[in-house]
Amino acid sequence: VPTDCPQRDERLGWMGDASLSVESMLLHFDMAGMMAAFVDSMVDELGADGSLPDVVPYQRYGGRPADLSWSSALVSSMHALWEA
C-alpha cells in the first residue's frame, strides 16, 4: 500500500498519494508487482455503483465515494503499469 508517512493514519492507502505518484514510483523503483497488487485491492473495493473509497483497503477513515481526483488512482495506476 503506498503511504505518506508512518505516524497517525497516514500509513493507510490514501488514494490521492497513489494517484499523484504512481508514474514516479514505477520509474524510479521496482514497484510493478506492488502496484499491480494495489490495483487488485482497488478493484476489490469497487462499490456496486462503481465508486471507490478515499482509502484502499477501506478503513474507518475517508469517505465513499472518493474525491474524483483520488479515485482516478485506479485508472492512472493501470495506465502507468501498462506503460512500464
PDB file of N, CA and C in Angstrom:
ATOM      1  N   VAL A   1       0.853  -1.174   0.000  1.00  0.00           N
ATOM      2  CA  VAL A   1       0.000   0.000   0.000  1.00  0.00           C
ATOM      3  C   VAL A   1       0.897   1.235   0.000  1.00  0.00           C
ATOM      4  N   PRO A   2       0.730   2.113  -0.973  1.00  0.00           N
ATOM      5  CA  PRO A   2       1.520   3.353  -0.943  1.00  0.00           C
ATOM      6  C   PRO A   2       1.073   4.227   0.217  1.00  0.00           C
ATOM      7  N   THR A   3       2.024   4.708   0.984  1.00  0.00           N
ATOM      8  CA  THR A   3       1.696   5.513   2.159  1.00  0.00           C
ATOM      9  C   THR A   3       2.400   6.855   2.104  1.00  0.00           C
ATOM     10  N   ASP A   4       1.943   7.752   2.952  1.00  0.00           N
ATOM     11  CA  ASP A   4       2.507   9.092   3.017  1.00  0.00           C
ATOM     12  C   ASP A   4       3.591   9.140   4.090  1.00  0.00           C
ATOM     13  N   CYS A   5       3.224   8.864   5.314  1.00  0.00           N
ATOM     14  CA  CYS A   5       4.168   8.864   6.427  1.00  0.00           C
ATOM     15  C   CYS A   5       3.680   7.863   7.473  1.00  0.00           C
ATOM     16  N   PRO A   6       4.563   7.340   8.323  1.00  0.00           N
ATOM     17  CA  PRO A   6       4.208   6.235   9.203  1.00  0.00           C
ATOM     18  C   PRO A   6       3.414   6.606  10.458  1.00  0.00           C
ATOM     19  N   GLN A   7       3.286   7.877  10.784  1.00  0.00           N
ATOM     20  CA  GLN A   7       2.565   8.223  12.001  1.00  0.00           C
ATOM     21  C   GLN A   7       1.089   8.495  11.684  1.00  0.00           C
ATOM     22  N   ARG A   8       0.316   8.609  12.683  1.00  0.00           N
ATOM     23  CA  ARG A   8      -1.131   8.846  12.578  1.00  0.00           C
ATOM     24  C   ARG A   8      -1.753   7.812  11.646  1.00  0.00           C
ATOM     25  N   ASP A   9      -2.700   8.231  10.867  1.00  0.00           N
ATOM     26  CA  ASP A   9      -3.340   7.320   9.931  1.00  0.00           C
ATOM     27  C   ASP A   9      -2.923   7.620   8.503  1.00  0.00           C
ATOM     28  N   GLU A  10      -1.747   8.211   8.367  1.00  0.00           N
ATOM     29  CA  GLU A  10      -1.194   8.431   7.036  1.00  0.00           C
ATOM     30  C   GLU A  10      -0.607   7.146   6.475  1.00  0.00           C
ATOM     31  N   ARG A  11      -0.525   6.111   7.293  1.00  0.00           N
ATOM     32  CA  ARG A  11       0.009   4.842   6.806  1.00  0.00           C
ATOM     33  C   ARG A  11      -1.053   4.024   6.073  1.00  0.00           C
ATOM     34  N   LEU A  12      -2.250   4.553   5.979  1.00  0.00           N
ATOM     35  CA  LEU A  12      -3.308   3.902   5.214  1.00  0.00           C
ATOM     36  C   LEU A  12      -3.081   4.149   3.733  1.00  0.00           C
ATOM     37  N   GLY A  13      -3.743   3.385   2.908  1.00  0.00           N
ATOM     38  CA  GLY A  13      -3.586   3.514   1.459  1.00  0.00           C
ATOM     39  C   GLY A  13      -4.433   4.625   0.881  1.00  0.00           C
ATOM     40  N   TRP A  14      -4.076   5.865   1.186  1.00  0.00           N
ATOM     41  CA  TRP A  14      -4.823   7.012   0.670  1.00  0.00           C
ATOM     42  C   TRP A  14      -4.659   7.059  -0.848  1.00  0.00           C
ATOM     43  N   MET A  15      -5.749   7.127  -1.542  1.00  0.00           N
ATOM     44  CA  MET A  15      -5.738   7.070  -3.000  1.00  0.00           C
ATOM     45  C   MET A  15      -5.069   8.292  -3.632  1.00  0.00           C
ATOM     46  N   GLY A  16      -5.128   9.435  -2.969  1.00  0.00           N
ATOM     47  CA  GLY A  16      -4.518  10.636  -3.521  1.00  0.00           C
ATOM     48  C   GLY A  16      -3.021  10.487  -3.689  1.00  0.00           C
ATOM     49  N   ASP A  17      -2.370   9.838  -2.727  1.00  0.00           N
ATOM     50  CA  ASP A  17      -0.927   9.610  -2.813  1.00  0.00           C
ATOM     51  C   ASP A  17      -0.589   8.733  -4.004  1.00  0.00           C
ATOM     52  N   ALA A  18      -1.369   7.688  -4.192  1.00  0.00           N
ATOM     53  CA  ALA A  18      -1.126   6.790  -5.329  1.00  0.00           C
ATOM     54  C   ALA A  18      -1.380   7.501  -6.654  1.00  0.00           C
ATOM     55  N   SER A  19      -2.447   8.277  -6.700  1.00  0.00           N
ATOM     56  CA  SER A  19      -2.801   8.968  -7.935  1.00  0.00           C
ATOM     57  C   SER A  19      -1.704   9.925  -8.393  1.00  0.00           C
ATOM     58  N   LEU A  20      -1.104  10.609  -7.428  1.00  0.00           N
ATOM     59  CA  LEU A  20      -0.097  11.613  -7.761  1.00  0.00           C
ATOM     60  C   LEU A  20       1.295  11.042  -8.008  1.00  0.00           C
ATOM     61  N   SER A  21       1.577   9.851  -7.495  1.00  0.00           N
ATOM     62  CA  SER A  21       2.965   9.391  -7.528  1.00  0.00           C
ATOM     63  C   SER A  21       3.214   8.071  -8.245  1.00  0.00           C
ATOM     64  N   VAL A  22       2.190   7.449  -8.822  1.00  0.00           N
ATOM     65  CA  VAL A  22       2.375   6.122  -9.406  1.00  0.00           C
ATOM     66  C   VAL A  22       3.416   6.120 -10.527  1.00  0.00           C
ATOM     67  N   GLU A  23       3.404   7.107 -11.393  1.00  0.00           N
ATOM     68  CA  GLU A  23       4.371   7.130 -12.500  1.00  0.00           C
ATOM     69  C   GLU A  23       5.793   7.248 -11.977  1.00  0.00           C
ATOM     70  N   SER A  24       6.003   8.109 -11.009  1.00  0.00           N
ATOM     71  CA  SER A  24       7.336   8.282 -10.434  1.00  0.00           C
ATOM     72  C   SER A  24       7.801   7.024  -9.706  1.00  0.00           C
ATOM     73  N   MET A  25       6.890   6.396  -8.959  1.00  0.00           N
ATOM     74  CA  MET A  25       7.264   5.172  -8.241  1.00  0.00           C
ATOM     75  C   MET A  25       7.695   4.077  -9.215  1.00  0.00           C
ATOM     76  N   LEU A  26       6.957   3.924 -10.303  1.00  0.00           N
ATOM     77  CA  LEU A  26       7.305   2.887 -11.273  1.00  0.00           C
ATOM     78  C   LEU A  26       8.582   3.214 -12.029  1.00  0.00           C
ATOM     79  N   LEU A  27       8.850   4.485 -12.245  1.00  0.00           N
ATOM     80  CA  LEU A  27      10.046   4.901 -12.969  1.00  0.00           C
ATOM     81  C   LEU A  27      11.310   4.710 -12.126  1.00  0.00           C
ATOM     82  N   HIS A  28      11.231   5.041 -10.848  1.00  0.00           N
ATOM     83  CA  HIS A  28      12.424   5.077 -10.002  1.00  0.00           C
ATOM     84  C   HIS A  28      12.647   3.850  -9.132  1.00  0.00           C
ATOM     85  N   PHE A  29      11.616   3.023  -8.968  1.00  0.00           N
ATOM     86  CA  PHE A  29      11.725   1.864  -8.093  1.00  0.00           C
ATOM     87  C   PHE A  29      11.122   0.644  -8.777  1.00  0.00           C
ATOM     88  N   ASP A  30      11.472  -0.530  -8.322  1.00  0.00           N
ATOM     89  CA  ASP A  30      10.912  -1.777  -8.836  1.00  0.00           C
ATOM     90  C   ASP A  30       9.568  -2.024  -8.143  1.00  0.00           C
ATOM     91  N   MET A  31       8.544  -1.291  -8.593  1.00  0.00           N
ATOM     92  CA  MET A  31       7.255  -1.274  -7.899  1.00  0.00           C
ATOM     93  C   MET A  31       6.126  -1.928  -8.681  1.00  0.00           C
ATOM     94  N   ALA A  32       6.395  -2.518  -9.826  1.00  0.00           N
ATOM     95  CA  ALA A  32       5.319  -3.039 -10.674  1.00  0.00           C
ATOM     96  C   ALA A  32       4.483  -4.090  -9.941  1.00  0.00           C
ATOM     97  N   GLY A  33       5.111  -4.999  -9.250  1.00  0.00           N
ATOM     98  CA  GLY A  33       4.374  -6.028  -8.523  1.00  0.00           C
ATOM     99  C   GLY A  33       3.511  -5.453  -7.424  1.00  0.00           C
ATOM    100  N   MET A  34       4.060  -4.506  -6.665  1.00  0.00           N
ATOM    101  CA  MET A  34       3.309  -3.875  -5.588  1.00  0.00           C
ATOM    102  C   MET A  34       2.139  -3.070  -6.135  1.00  0.00           C
ATOM    103  N   MET A  35       2.371  -2.329  -7.221  1.00  0.00           N
ATOM    104  CA  MET A  35       1.286  -1.522  -7.788  1.00  0.00           C
ATOM    105  C   MET A  35       0.207  -2.403  -8.406  1.00  0.00           C
ATOM    106  N   ALA A  36       0.589  -3.525  -8.995  1.00  0.00           N
ATOM    107  CA  ALA A  36      -0.411  -4.455  -9.532  1.00  0.00           C
ATOM    108  C   ALA A  36      -1.281  -5.002  -8.396  1.00  0.00           C
ATOM    109  N   ALA A  37      -0.667  -5.312  -7.263  1.00  0.00           N
ATOM    110  CA  ALA A  37      -1.432  -5.783  -6.108  1.00  0.00           C
ATOM    111  C   ALA A  37      -2.342  -4.687  -5.570  1.00  0.00           C
ATOM    112  N   PHE A  38      -1.869  -3.435  -5.597  1.00  0.00           N
ATOM    113  CA  PHE A  38      -2.693  -2.324  -5.127  1.00  0.00           C
ATOM    114  C   PHE A  38      -3.873  -2.101  -6.075  1.00  0.00           C
ATOM    115  N   VAL A  39      -3.650  -2.254  -7.380  1.00  0.00           N
ATOM    116  CA  VAL A  39      -4.757  -2.169  -8.340  1.00  0.00           C
ATOM    117  C   VAL A  39      -5.786  -3.264  -8.036  1.00  0.00           C
ATOM    118  N   ASP A  40      -5.331  -4.477  -7.741  1.00  0.00           N
ATOM    119  CA  ASP A  40      -6.255  -5.550  -7.368  1.00  0.00           C
ATOM    120  C   ASP A  40      -7.067  -5.170  -6.131  1.00  0.00           C
ATOM    121  N   SER A  41      -6.416  -4.533  -5.162  1.00  0.00           N
ATOM    122  CA  SER A  41      -7.128  -4.088  -3.958  1.00  0.00           C
ATOM    123  C   SER A  41      -8.155  -3.016  -4.294  1.00  0.00           C
ATOM    124  N   MET A  42      -7.812  -2.112  -5.220  1.00  0.00           N
ATOM    125  CA  MET A  42      -8.774  -1.088  -5.641  1.00  0.00           C
ATOM    126  C   MET A  42      -9.994  -1.732  -6.285  1.00  0.00           C
ATOM    127  N   VAL A  43      -9.759  -2.698  -7.155  1.00  0.00           N
ATOM    128  CA  VAL A  43     -10.874  -3.392  -7.818  1.00  0.00           C
ATOM    129  C   VAL A  43     -11.740  -4.105  -6.783  1.00  0.00           C
ATOM    130  N   ASP A  44     -11.116  -4.703  -5.775  1.00  0.00           N
ATOM    131  CA  ASP A  44     -11.878  -5.366  -4.710  1.00  0.00           C
ATOM    132  C   ASP A  44     -12.765  -4.389  -3.951  1.00  0.00           C
ATOM    133  N   GLU A  45     -12.352  -3.125  -3.859  1.00  0.00           N
ATOM    134  CA  GLU A  45     -13.106  -2.114  -3.107  1.00  0.00           C
ATOM    135  C   GLU A  45     -14.148  -1.383  -3.949  1.00  0.00           C
ATOM    136  N   LEU A  46     -14.241  -1.677  -5.234  1.00  0.00           N
ATOM    137  CA  LEU A  46     -15.251  -1.020  -6.064  1.00  0.00           C
ATOM    138  C   LEU A  46     -16.643  -1.285  -5.501  1.00  0.00           C
ATOM    139  N   GLY A  47     -17.434  -0.225  -5.372  1.00  0.00           N
ATOM    140  CA  GLY A  47     -18.803  -0.377  -4.902  1.00  0.00           C
ATOM    141  C   GLY A  47     -19.711  -0.852  -6.030  1.00  0.00           C
ATOM    142  N   ALA A  48     -20.923  -1.189  -5.702  1.00  0.00           N
ATOM    143  CA  ALA A  48     -21.893  -1.638  -6.699  1.00  0.00           C
ATOM    144  C   ALA A  48     -22.148  -0.551  -7.745  1.00  0.00           C
ATOM    145  N   ASP A  49     -21.981   0.703  -7.338  1.00  0.00           N
ATOM    146  CA  ASP A  49     -22.183   1.824  -8.264  1.00  0.00           C
ATOM    147  C   ASP A  49     -20.891   2.229  -8.979  1.00  0.00           C
ATOM    148  N   GLY A  50     -19.810   1.483  -8.766  1.00  0.00           N
ATOM    149  CA  GLY A  50     -18.535   1.781  -9.402  1.00  0.00           C
ATOM    150  C   GLY A  50     -17.676   2.759  -8.639  1.00  0.00           C
ATOM    151  N   SER A  51     -18.120   3.186  -7.470  1.00  0.00           N
ATOM    152  CA  SER A  51     -17.355   4.163  -6.692  1.00  0.00           C
ATOM    153  C   SER A  51     -16.230   3.480  -5.926  1.00  0.00           C
ATOM    154  N   LEU A  52     -15.219   4.279  -5.612  1.00  0.00           N
ATOM    155  CA  LEU A  52     -14.092   3.855  -4.784  1.00  0.00           C
ATOM    156  C   LEU A  52     -14.061   4.701  -3.521  1.00  0.00           C
ATOM    157  N   PRO A  53     -13.521   4.180  -2.436  1.00  0.00           N
ATOM    158  CA  PRO A  53     -13.340   4.991  -1.231  1.00  0.00           C
ATOM    159  C   PRO A  53     -12.049   5.813  -1.323  1.00  0.00           C
ATOM    160  N   ASP A  54     -11.872   6.721  -0.374  1.00  0.00           N
ATOM    161  CA  ASP A  54     -10.644   7.516  -0.298  1.00  0.00           C
ATOM    162  C   ASP A  54      -9.440   6.677   0.101  1.00  0.00           C
ATOM    163  N   VAL A  55      -9.677   5.570   0.804  1.00  0.00           N
ATOM    164  CA  VAL A  55      -8.623   4.724   1.353  1.00  0.00           C
ATOM    165  C   VAL A  55      -8.839   3.292   0.871  1.00  0.00           C
ATOM    166  N   VAL A  56      -7.794   2.668   0.353  1.00  0.00           N
ATOM    167  CA  VAL A  56      -7.860   1.263  -0.076  1.00  0.00           C
ATOM    168  C   VAL A  56      -6.712   0.511   0.573  1.00  0.00           C
ATOM    169  N   PRO A  57      -6.951  -0.589   1.274  1.00  0.00           N
ATOM    170  CA  PRO A  57      -8.261  -1.133   1.583  1.00  0.00           C
ATOM    171  C   PRO A  57      -9.021  -0.199   2.517  1.00  0.00           C
ATOM    172  N   TYR A  58     -10.351  -0.200   2.376  1.00  0.00           N
ATOM    173  CA  TYR A  58     -11.179   0.757   3.114  1.00  0.00           C
ATOM    174  C   TYR A  58     -11.088   0.523   4.609  1.00  0.00           C
ATOM    175  N   GLN A  59     -10.857   1.603   5.347  1.00  0.00           N
ATOM    176  CA  GLN A  59     -10.798   1.592   6.806  1.00  0.00           C
ATOM    177  C   GLN A  59     -11.826   2.569   7.327  1.00  0.00           C
ATOM    178  N   ARG A  60     -11.717   2.949   8.549  1.00  0.00           N
ATOM    179  CA  ARG A  60     -12.698   3.850   9.154  1.00  0.00           C
ATOM    180  C   ARG A  60     -12.525   5.301   8.706  1.00  0.00           C
ATOM    181  N   TYR A  61     -11.448   5.614   8.025  1.00  0.00           N
ATOM    182  CA  TYR A  61     -11.202   6.983   7.592  1.00  0.00           C
ATOM    183  C   TYR A  61     -11.482   7.120   6.103  1.00  0.00           C
ATOM    184  N   GLY A  62     -11.700   8.348   5.688  1.00  0.00           N
ATOM    185  CA  GLY A  62     -12.006   8.575   4.287  1.00  0.00           C
ATOM    186  C   GLY A  62     -13.482   8.352   4.033  1.00  0.00           C
ATOM    187  N   GLY A  63     -13.893   8.650   2.842  1.00  0.00           N
ATOM    188  CA  GLY A  63     -15.301   8.515   2.526  1.00  0.00           C
ATOM    189  C   GLY A  63     -15.513   7.729   1.243  1.00  0.00           C
ATOM    190  N   ARG A  64     -16.753   7.510   0.951  1.00  0.00           N
ATOM    191  CA  ARG A  64     -17.178   6.867  -0.281  1.00  0.00           C
ATOM    192  C   ARG A  64     -18.371   7.646  -0.780  1.00  0.00           C
ATOM    193  N   PRO A  65     -18.373   8.141  -1.969  1.00  0.00           N
ATOM    194  CA  PRO A  65     -17.315   7.987  -2.951  1.00  0.00           C
ATOM    195  C   PRO A  65     -16.131   8.902  -2.665  1.00  0.00           C
ATOM    196  N   ALA A  66     -14.995   8.508  -3.173  1.00  0.00           N
ATOM    197  CA  ALA A  66     -13.776   9.298  -3.005  1.00  0.00           C
ATOM    198  C   ALA A  66     -13.863  10.565  -3.845  1.00  0.00           C
ATOM    199  N   ASP A  67     -13.023  11.508  -3.515  1.00  0.00           N
ATOM    200  CA  ASP A  67     -12.849  12.683  -4.353  1.00  0.00           C
ATOM    201  C   ASP A  67     -12.473  12.208  -5.757  1.00  0.00           C
ATOM    202  N   LEU A  68     -12.969  12.875  -6.767  1.00  0.00           N
ATOM    203  CA  LEU A  68     -12.747  12.435  -8.144  1.00  0.00           C
ATOM    204  C   LEU A  68     -11.265  12.285  -8.476  1.00  0.00           C
ATOM    205  N   SER A  69     -10.444  13.237  -8.040  1.00  0.00           N
ATOM    206  CA  SER A  69      -9.018  13.144  -8.361  1.00  0.00           C
ATOM    207  C   SER A  69      -8.357  11.980  -7.617  1.00  0.00           C
ATOM    208  N   TRP A  70      -8.888  11.596  -6.467  1.00  0.00           N
ATOM    209  CA  TRP A  70      -8.316  10.484  -5.719  1.00  0.00           C
ATOM    210  C   TRP A  70      -8.729   9.157  -6.323  1.00  0.00           C
ATOM    211  N   SER A  71      -9.988   9.036  -6.714  1.00  0.00           N
ATOM    212  CA  SER A  71     -10.440   7.771  -7.291  1.00  0.00           C
ATOM    213  C   SER A  71      -9.833   7.529  -8.670  1.00  0.00           C
ATOM    214  N   SER A  72      -9.280   8.568  -9.277  1.00  0.00           N
ATOM    215  CA  SER A  72      -8.607   8.383 -10.563  1.00  0.00           C
ATOM    216  C   SER A  72      -7.331   7.559 -10.414  1.00  0.00           C
ATOM    217  N   ALA A  73      -6.944   7.250  -9.182  1.00  0.00           N
ATOM    218  CA  ALA A  73      -5.760   6.406  -8.949  1.00  0.00           C
ATOM    219  C   ALA A  73      -5.901   5.054  -9.625  1.00  0.00           C
ATOM    220  N   LEU A  74      -7.113   4.541  -9.721  1.00  0.00           N
ATOM    221  CA  LEU A  74      -7.306   3.248 -10.380  1.00  0.00           C
ATOM    222  C   LEU A  74      -6.910   3.337 -11.848  1.00  0.00           C
ATOM    223  N   VAL A  75      -7.427   4.323 -12.540  1.00  0.00           N
ATOM    224  CA  VAL A  75      -7.127   4.475 -13.972  1.00  0.00           C
ATOM    225  C   VAL A  75      -5.670   4.852 -14.188  1.00  0.00           C
ATOM    226  N   SER A  76      -5.164   5.804 -13.401  1.00  0.00           N
ATOM    227  CA  SER A  76      -3.770   6.228 -13.597  1.00  0.00           C
ATOM    228  C   SER A  76      -2.795   5.104 -13.263  1.00  0.00           C
ATOM    229  N   SER A  77      -3.109   4.282 -12.273  1.00  0.00           N
ATOM    230  CA  SER A  77      -2.233   3.164 -11.922  1.00  0.00           C
ATOM    231  C   SER A  77      -2.240   2.097 -13.011  1.00  0.00           C
ATOM    232  N   MET A  78      -3.414   1.783 -13.531  1.00  0.00           N
ATOM    233  CA  MET A  78      -3.476   0.793 -14.612  1.00  0.00           C
ATOM    234  C   MET A  78      -2.747   1.292 -15.849  1.00  0.00           C
ATOM    235  N   HIS A  79      -2.893   2.560 -16.168  1.00  0.00           N
ATOM    236  CA  HIS A  79      -2.213   3.124 -17.338  1.00  0.00           C
ATOM    237  C   HIS A  79      -0.703   3.138 -17.125  1.00  0.00           C
ATOM    238  N   ALA A  80      -0.255   3.526 -15.948  1.00  0.00           N
ATOM    239  CA  ALA A  80       1.189   3.545 -15.660  1.00  0.00           C
ATOM    240  C   ALA A  80       1.773   2.149 -15.705  1.00  0.00           C
ATOM    241  N   LEU A  81       1.040   1.157 -15.197  1.00  0.00           N
ATOM    242  CA  LEU A  81       1.521  -0.233 -15.278  1.00  0.00           C
ATOM    243  C   LEU A  81       1.608  -0.689 -16.724  1.00  0.00           C
ATOM    244  N   TRP A  82       0.656  -0.305 -17.539  1.00  0.00           N
ATOM    245  CA  TRP A  82       0.663  -0.676 -18.950  1.00  0.00           C
ATOM    246  C   TRP A  82       1.875  -0.064 -19.654  1.00  0.00           C
ATOM    247  N   GLU A  83       2.219   1.175 -19.302  1.00  0.00           N
ATOM    248  CA  GLU A  83       3.355   1.844 -19.928  1.00  0.00           C
ATOM    249  C   GLU A  83       4.701   1.309 -19.429  1.00  0.00           C
ATOM    250  N   ALA A  84       4.727   0.776 -18.213  1.00  0.00           N
ATOM    251  CA  ALA A  84       6.000   0.346 -17.609  1.00  0.00           C
ATOM    252  C   ALA A  84       6.587  -0.864 -18.287  1.00  0.00           C
TER     253      ALA A  84
END
